[in-house]
C-alpha atoms as a PDB file:
ATOM      1  CA  MET A   1     -64.545 -13.281   7.486  1.00  0.00           C
ATOM      2  CA  SER A   2     -60.990 -12.620   8.594  1.00  0.00           C
ATOM      3  CA  ASP A   3     -58.253 -15.224   8.948  1.00  0.00           C
ATOM      4  CA  SER A   4     -58.471 -15.166  12.729  1.00  0.00           C
ATOM      5  CA  ASP A   5     -62.257 -15.900  12.591  1.00  0.00           C
ATOM      6  CA  ASN A   6     -61.734 -19.029  10.509  1.00  0.00           C
ATOM      7  CA  PRO A   7     -62.271 -22.092  12.776  1.00  0.00           C
ATOM      8  CA  GLN A   8     -59.305 -23.934  11.275  1.00  0.00           C
ATOM      9  CA  ASN A   9     -56.990 -20.968  11.987  1.00  0.00           C
ATOM     10  CA  GLN A  10     -58.365 -20.661  15.509  1.00  0.00           C
ATOM     11  CA  GLU A  11     -57.494 -24.291  16.129  1.00  0.00           C
ATOM     12  CA  ILE A  12     -53.946 -23.778  14.809  1.00  0.00           C
ATOM     13  CA  ASN A  13     -53.680 -20.573  16.829  1.00  0.00           C
ATOM     14  CA  GLN A  14     -54.627 -22.435  20.000  1.00  0.00           C
ATOM     15  CA  LYS A  15     -52.029 -25.127  19.333  1.00  0.00           C
ATOM     16  CA  ILE A  16     -49.220 -22.675  18.514  1.00  0.00           C
ATOM     17  CA  ASN A  17     -50.555 -19.764  20.541  1.00  0.00           C
ATOM     18  CA  HIS A  18     -48.574 -17.238  18.500  1.00  0.00           C
ATOM     19  CA  SER A  19     -50.952 -14.737  17.053  1.00  0.00           C
ATOM     20  CA  TYR A  20     -50.555 -10.998  16.939  1.00  0.00           C
ATOM     21  CA  ASP A  21     -52.913  -8.637  15.120  1.00  0.00           C
ATOM     22  CA  GLY A  22     -54.401 -11.543  13.232  1.00  0.00           C
ATOM     23  CA  ILE A  23     -51.011 -12.720  11.986  1.00  0.00           C
ATOM     24  CA  ILE A  24     -50.290 -16.303  12.895  1.00  0.00           C
ATOM     25  CA  GLU A  25     -46.670 -17.305  13.414  1.00  0.00           C
ATOM     26  CA  HIS A  26     -45.850 -20.706  12.056  1.00  0.00           C
ATOM     27  CA  ASN A  27     -42.736 -22.742  12.697  1.00  0.00           C
ATOM     28  CA  ASN A  28     -40.420 -21.880   9.793  1.00  0.00           C
ATOM     29  CA  PRO A  29     -36.986 -23.239  10.622  1.00  0.00           C
ATOM     30  CA  MET A  30     -33.827 -21.850   9.067  1.00  0.00           C
ATOM     31  CA  PRO A  31     -32.521 -23.664   5.996  1.00  0.00           C
ATOM     32  CA  THR A  32     -30.171 -26.512   6.853  1.00  0.00           C
ATOM     33  CA  TRP A  33     -27.263 -25.049   4.878  1.00  0.00           C
ATOM     34  CA  TRP A  34     -27.559 -21.812   6.847  1.00  0.00           C
ATOM     35  CA  SER A  35     -27.377 -23.711  10.135  1.00  0.00           C
ATOM     36  CA  TRP A  36     -24.266 -25.580   8.945  1.00  0.00           C
ATOM     37  CA  VAL A  37     -22.557 -22.355   7.851  1.00  0.00           C
ATOM     38  CA  PHE A  38     -23.226 -20.900  11.287  1.00  0.00           C
ATOM     39  CA  ILE A  39     -21.833 -24.003  13.022  1.00  0.00           C
ATOM     40  CA  LEU A  40     -18.719 -23.974  10.821  1.00  0.00           C
ATOM     41  CA  CYS A  41     -18.151 -20.262  11.526  1.00  0.00           C
ATOM     42  CA  VAL A  42     -18.367 -20.865  15.271  1.00  0.00           C
ATOM     43  CA  CYS A  43     -15.906 -23.785  14.992  1.00  0.00           C
ATOM     44  CA  PHE A  44     -13.514 -21.693  12.896  1.00  0.00           C
ATOM     45  CA  ALA A  45     -13.698 -18.812  15.372  1.00  0.00           C
ATOM     46  CA  PHE A  46     -12.951 -21.171  18.242  1.00  0.00           C
ATOM     47  CA  LEU A  47      -9.915 -22.695  16.463  1.00  0.00           C
ATOM     48  CA  TYR A  48      -8.714 -19.240  15.400  1.00  0.00           C
ATOM     49  CA  TYR A  49      -8.910 -18.009  18.986  1.00  0.00           C
ATOM     50  CA  ILE A  50      -7.025 -21.079  20.274  1.00  0.00           C
ATOM     51  CA  HIS A  51      -4.336 -20.710  17.578  1.00  0.00           C
ATOM     52  CA  TYR A  52      -3.648 -16.984  18.018  1.00  0.00           C
ATOM     53  CA  GLU A  53      -4.623 -16.172  21.591  1.00  0.00           C
ATOM     54  CA  VAL A  54      -4.216 -19.287  23.724  1.00  0.00           C
ATOM     55  CA  SER A  55      -1.366 -21.293  22.177  1.00  0.00           C
ATOM     56  CA  GLY A  56       0.473 -18.270  20.747  1.00  0.00           C
ATOM     57  CA  THR A  57       1.563 -20.198  17.638  1.00  0.00           C
ATOM     58  CA  GLY A  58       0.109 -17.620  15.247  1.00  0.00           C
ATOM     59  CA  LEU A  59       2.071 -14.503  14.307  1.00  0.00           C
ATOM     60  CA  THR A  60       0.804 -11.182  15.598  1.00  0.00           C
ATOM     61  CA  LEU A  61       0.630  -8.144  13.321  1.00  0.00           C
ATOM     62  CA  THR A  62       3.742  -6.734  15.009  1.00  0.00           C
ATOM     63  CA  GLN A  63       5.683  -9.935  14.338  1.00  0.00           C
ATOM     64  CA  GLU A  64       4.523  -9.996  10.701  1.00  0.00           C
ATOM     65  CA  LEU A  65       5.615  -6.371  10.293  1.00  0.00           C
ATOM     66  CA  LYS A  66       9.021  -7.137  11.801  1.00  0.00           C
ATOM     67  CA  ILE A  67       9.544 -10.051   9.392  1.00  0.00           C
ATOM     68  CA  SER A  68       8.482  -7.910   6.414  1.00  0.00           C
ATOM     69  CA  MET A  69      10.794  -5.075   7.462  1.00  0.00           C
ATOM     70  CA  GLU A  70      13.709  -7.517   7.767  1.00  0.00           C
ATOM     71  CA  LYS A  71      12.996  -8.794   4.229  1.00  0.00           C
ATOM     72  CA  LEU A  72      12.832  -5.221   2.933  1.00  0.00           C
ATOM     73  CA  GLU A  73      16.109  -4.334   4.640  1.00  0.00           C
ATOM     74  CA  LYS A  74      17.743  -7.420   3.123  1.00  0.00           C
ATOM     75  CA  ILE A  75      16.522  -6.441  -0.363  1.00  0.00           C
ATOM     76  CA  ARG A  76      17.775  -2.880   0.134  1.00  0.00           C
ATOM     77  CA  SER A  77      21.204  -4.038   1.274  1.00  0.00           C
ATOM     78  CA  GLU A  78      21.476  -6.393  -1.716  1.00  0.00           C
ATOM     79  CA  SER A  79      20.401  -3.560  -4.003  1.00  0.00           C
ATOM     80  CA  ALA A  80      22.997  -1.250  -2.473  1.00  0.00           C
ATOM     81  CA  LEU A  81      25.690  -3.790  -3.300  1.00  0.00           C
ATOM     82  CA  LYS A  82      24.529  -3.784  -6.947  1.00  0.00           C
ATOM     83  CA  PHE A  83      24.562   0.001  -7.171  1.00  0.00           C
ATOM     84  CA  VAL A  84      27.834   1.050  -8.777  1.00  0.00           C
ATOM     85  CA  ASP A  85      29.078   4.573  -8.177  1.00  0.00           C
ATOM     86  CA  LEU A  86      30.248   6.076 -11.426  1.00  0.00           C
ATOM     87  CA  SER A  87      33.221   8.370 -11.842  1.00  0.00           C
ATOM     88  CA  GLU A  88      32.586  12.062 -12.580  1.00  0.00           C
ATOM     89  CA  ASP A  89      33.189  11.584 -16.338  1.00  0.00           C
ATOM     90  CA  GLU A  90      30.968   8.493 -16.571  1.00  0.00           C
ATOM     91  CA  LEU A  91      28.265  10.279 -14.597  1.00  0.00           C
ATOM     92  CA  GLU A  92      28.417  13.314 -16.921  1.00  0.00           C
ATOM     93  CA  ARG A  93      28.108  11.084 -19.995  1.00  0.00           C
ATOM     94  CA  LYS A  94      25.215   9.154 -18.462  1.00  0.00           C
ATOM     95  CA  ILE A  95      23.177  12.226 -17.479  1.00  0.00           C
ATOM     96  CA  LYS A  96      23.498  13.698 -20.987  1.00  0.00           C
ATOM     97  CA  ASP A  97      22.268  10.514 -22.718  1.00  0.00           C
ATOM     98  CA  PRO A  98      18.769  11.171 -24.198  1.00  0.00           C
ATOM     99  CA  ASN A  99      17.637   7.572 -23.543  1.00  0.00           C
ATOM    100  CA  VAL A 100      18.552   7.898 -19.868  1.00  0.00           C
ATOM    101  CA  ILE A 101      16.681  11.218 -19.671  1.00  0.00           C
ATOM    102  CA  LYS A 102      13.608   9.588 -21.276  1.00  0.00           C
ATOM    103  CA  LEU A 103      13.707   6.759 -18.707  1.00  0.00           C
ATOM    104  CA  GLY A 104      14.113   9.354 -15.970  1.00  0.00           C
ATOM    105  CA  ALA A 105      11.089  11.304 -17.212  1.00  0.00           C
ATOM    106  CA  SER A 106       8.794   8.286 -16.976  1.00  0.00           C
ATOM    107  CA  THR A 107      10.186   7.310 -13.557  1.00  0.00           C
ATOM    108  CA  PHE A 108       9.879  10.905 -12.311  1.00  0.00           C
ATOM    109  CA  GLN A 109       6.237  11.128 -13.425  1.00  0.00           C
ATOM    110  CA  ALA A 110       5.421   7.854 -11.677  1.00  0.00           C
ATOM    111  CA  LYS A 111       7.297   8.385  -8.409  1.00  0.00           C
ATOM    112  CA  CYS A 112       8.314  12.019  -7.892  1.00  0.00           C
ATOM    113  CA  ALA A 113       5.815  14.303  -9.657  1.00  0.00           C
ATOM    114  CA  MET A 114       3.270  14.154  -6.841  1.00  0.00           C
ATOM    115  CA  CYS A 115       5.669  16.058  -4.552  1.00  0.00           C
ATOM    116  CA  HIS A 116       7.952  17.934  -6.959  1.00  0.00           C
ATOM    117  CA  GLY A 117       5.379  18.769  -9.649  1.00  0.00           C
ATOM    118  CA  GLU A 118       5.080  17.518 -13.214  1.00  0.00           C
ATOM    119  CA  LYS A 119       7.430  20.224 -14.474  1.00  0.00           C
ATOM    120  CA  LEU A 120       9.756  19.935 -11.439  1.00  0.00           C
ATOM    121  CA  GLU A 121       8.356  23.275 -10.202  1.00  0.00           C
ATOM    122  CA  GLY A 122       7.868  22.059  -6.649  1.00  0.00           C
ATOM    123  CA  LYS A 123       4.659  21.391  -4.767  1.00  0.00           C
ATOM    124  CA  ILE A 124       5.169  19.764  -1.402  1.00  0.00           C
ATOM    125  CA  GLY A 125       8.798  19.109  -2.272  1.00  0.00           C
ATOM    126  CA  PRO A 126      11.272  21.783  -3.341  1.00  0.00           C
ATOM    127  CA  ASN A 127      11.572  23.292  -6.807  1.00  0.00           C
ATOM    128  CA  LEU A 128      14.141  21.349  -8.834  1.00  0.00           C
ATOM    129  CA  THR A 129      14.574  23.894 -11.653  1.00  0.00           C
ATOM    130  CA  ASP A 130      16.018  26.811  -9.706  1.00  0.00           C
ATOM    131  CA  THR A 131      19.578  27.530  -8.574  1.00  0.00           C
ATOM    132  CA  THR A 132      18.938  27.131  -4.845  1.00  0.00           C
ATOM    133  CA  TRP A 133      19.589  23.609  -3.623  1.00  0.00           C
ATOM    134  CA  ILE A 134      19.183  22.626   0.025  1.00  0.00           C
ATOM    135  CA  HIS A 135      21.293  19.463  -0.111  1.00  0.00           C
ATOM    136  CA  GLY A 136      23.719  20.418  -2.858  1.00  0.00           C
ATOM    137  CA  GLY A 137      23.187  20.826  -6.591  1.00  0.00           C
ATOM    138  CA  THR A 138      26.087  18.896  -8.112  1.00  0.00           C
ATOM    139  CA  PRO A 139      25.252  15.611  -9.827  1.00  0.00           C
ATOM    140  CA  LYS A 140      26.949  13.604  -7.053  1.00  0.00           C
ATOM    141  CA  GLU A 141      25.032  15.487  -4.346  1.00  0.00           C
ATOM    142  CA  ILE A 142      21.708  15.109  -6.170  1.00  0.00           C
ATOM    143  CA  LEU A 143      22.427  11.414  -6.671  1.00  0.00           C
ATOM    144  CA  LYS A 144      23.127  11.030  -2.944  1.00  0.00           C
ATOM    145  CA  THR A 145      19.867  12.822  -2.084  1.00  0.00           C
ATOM    146  CA  ILE A 146      17.865  10.568  -4.419  1.00  0.00           C
ATOM    147  CA  ARG A 147      19.525   7.392  -3.149  1.00  0.00           C
ATOM    148  CA  GLU A 148      19.448   8.129   0.595  1.00  0.00           C
ATOM    149  CA  GLY A 149      16.398  10.408   0.725  1.00  0.00           C
ATOM    150  CA  VAL A 150      15.752  13.104   3.302  1.00  0.00           C
ATOM    151  CA  LEU A 151      13.527  11.390   5.829  1.00  0.00           C
ATOM    152  CA  ALA A 152      13.327  14.429   8.099  1.00  0.00           C
ATOM    153  CA  LYS A 153      11.646  16.338   5.269  1.00  0.00           C
ATOM    154  CA  GLY A 154       9.497  13.491   3.969  1.00  0.00           C
ATOM    155  CA  MET A 155      11.546  12.324   0.974  1.00  0.00           C
ATOM    156  CA  PRO A 156      11.903   8.540   0.971  1.00  0.00           C
ATOM    157  CA  GLN A 157      15.073   6.614   0.292  1.00  0.00           C
ATOM    158  CA  TRP A 158      14.756   5.490  -3.335  1.00  0.00           C
ATOM    159  CA  GLU A 159      17.710   3.116  -3.324  1.00  0.00           C
ATOM    160  CA  GLY A 160      16.286  -0.374  -3.125  1.00  0.00           C
ATOM    161  CA  VAL A 161      12.953   0.811  -4.481  1.00  0.00           C
ATOM    162  CA  LEU A 162      14.125   2.067  -7.866  1.00  0.00           C
ATOM    163  CA  LYS A 163      16.591   0.267 -10.087  1.00  0.00           C
ATOM    164  CA  PRO A 164      20.007   1.933 -10.488  1.00  0.00           C
ATOM    165  CA  ASP A 165      19.171   2.895 -14.093  1.00  0.00           C
ATOM    166  CA  GLU A 166      15.957   4.570 -12.921  1.00  0.00           C
ATOM    167  CA  ILE A 167      17.867   6.533 -10.270  1.00  0.00           C
ATOM    168  CA  TYR A 168      20.397   7.691 -12.871  1.00  0.00           C
ATOM    169  CA  GLY A 169      17.484   8.533 -15.179  1.00  0.00           C
ATOM    170  CA  VAL A 170      15.842  10.743 -12.556  1.00  0.00           C
ATOM    171  CA  LEU A 171      19.201  12.420 -11.950  1.00  0.00           C
ATOM    172  CA  ALA A 172      19.604  12.993 -15.708  1.00  0.00           C
ATOM    173  CA  LEU A 173      16.126  14.522 -15.965  1.00  0.00           C
ATOM    174  CA  ILE A 174      16.699  16.814 -12.994  1.00  0.00           C
ATOM    175  CA  HIS A 175      20.089  17.878 -14.362  1.00  0.00           C
ATOM    176  CA  SER A 176      18.584  18.581 -17.812  1.00  0.00           C
ATOM    177  CA  LYS A 177      15.844  20.801 -16.334  1.00  0.00           C
ATOM    178  CA  LYS A 178      18.064  22.567 -13.830  1.00  0.00           C
ATOM    179  CA  GLN A 179      17.998  26.379 -14.132  1.00  0.00           C
ATOM    180  CA  THR A 180      15.074  26.445 -16.545  1.00  0.00           C
ATOM    181  CA  PRO A 181      12.148  28.753 -15.937  1.00  0.00           C
END
């Protein structure tokens, strides 16, 4: 005897009148906690919509970006004030210091190697070991290129991102590897 032939099930089926292929649908409500989560989500969505769309008191993504860019520009300008240009003699001494070169090697591997190659051979960016330099090959010119970047060619401005010692370290590394095969 199947479930649908059972007299008790037939009585329930007549009361509920939800039977399909011998499967009787009973009233199984959702758990209470699930209902409350749904209600809270709807309330949150309504308040969110009012806050951002109707009243306009919430910041848009464009406004948040503008505020972040202003903070970044402020940090860069403060960093530029801390950056001290060295004289030619001081710069020469600094770029020949082995500790500065070691710092530059770790900074270069972390920030520059993806474009200029691990051995400075050039990948996306130019080769830094040859004698041909697009933006000048003197220490002052290389320093200027590192600090200001070349945005038209995809090199970011590292001043404000790297500490002055890291910038001098990268310069020292580049200068030590210059004209090596």
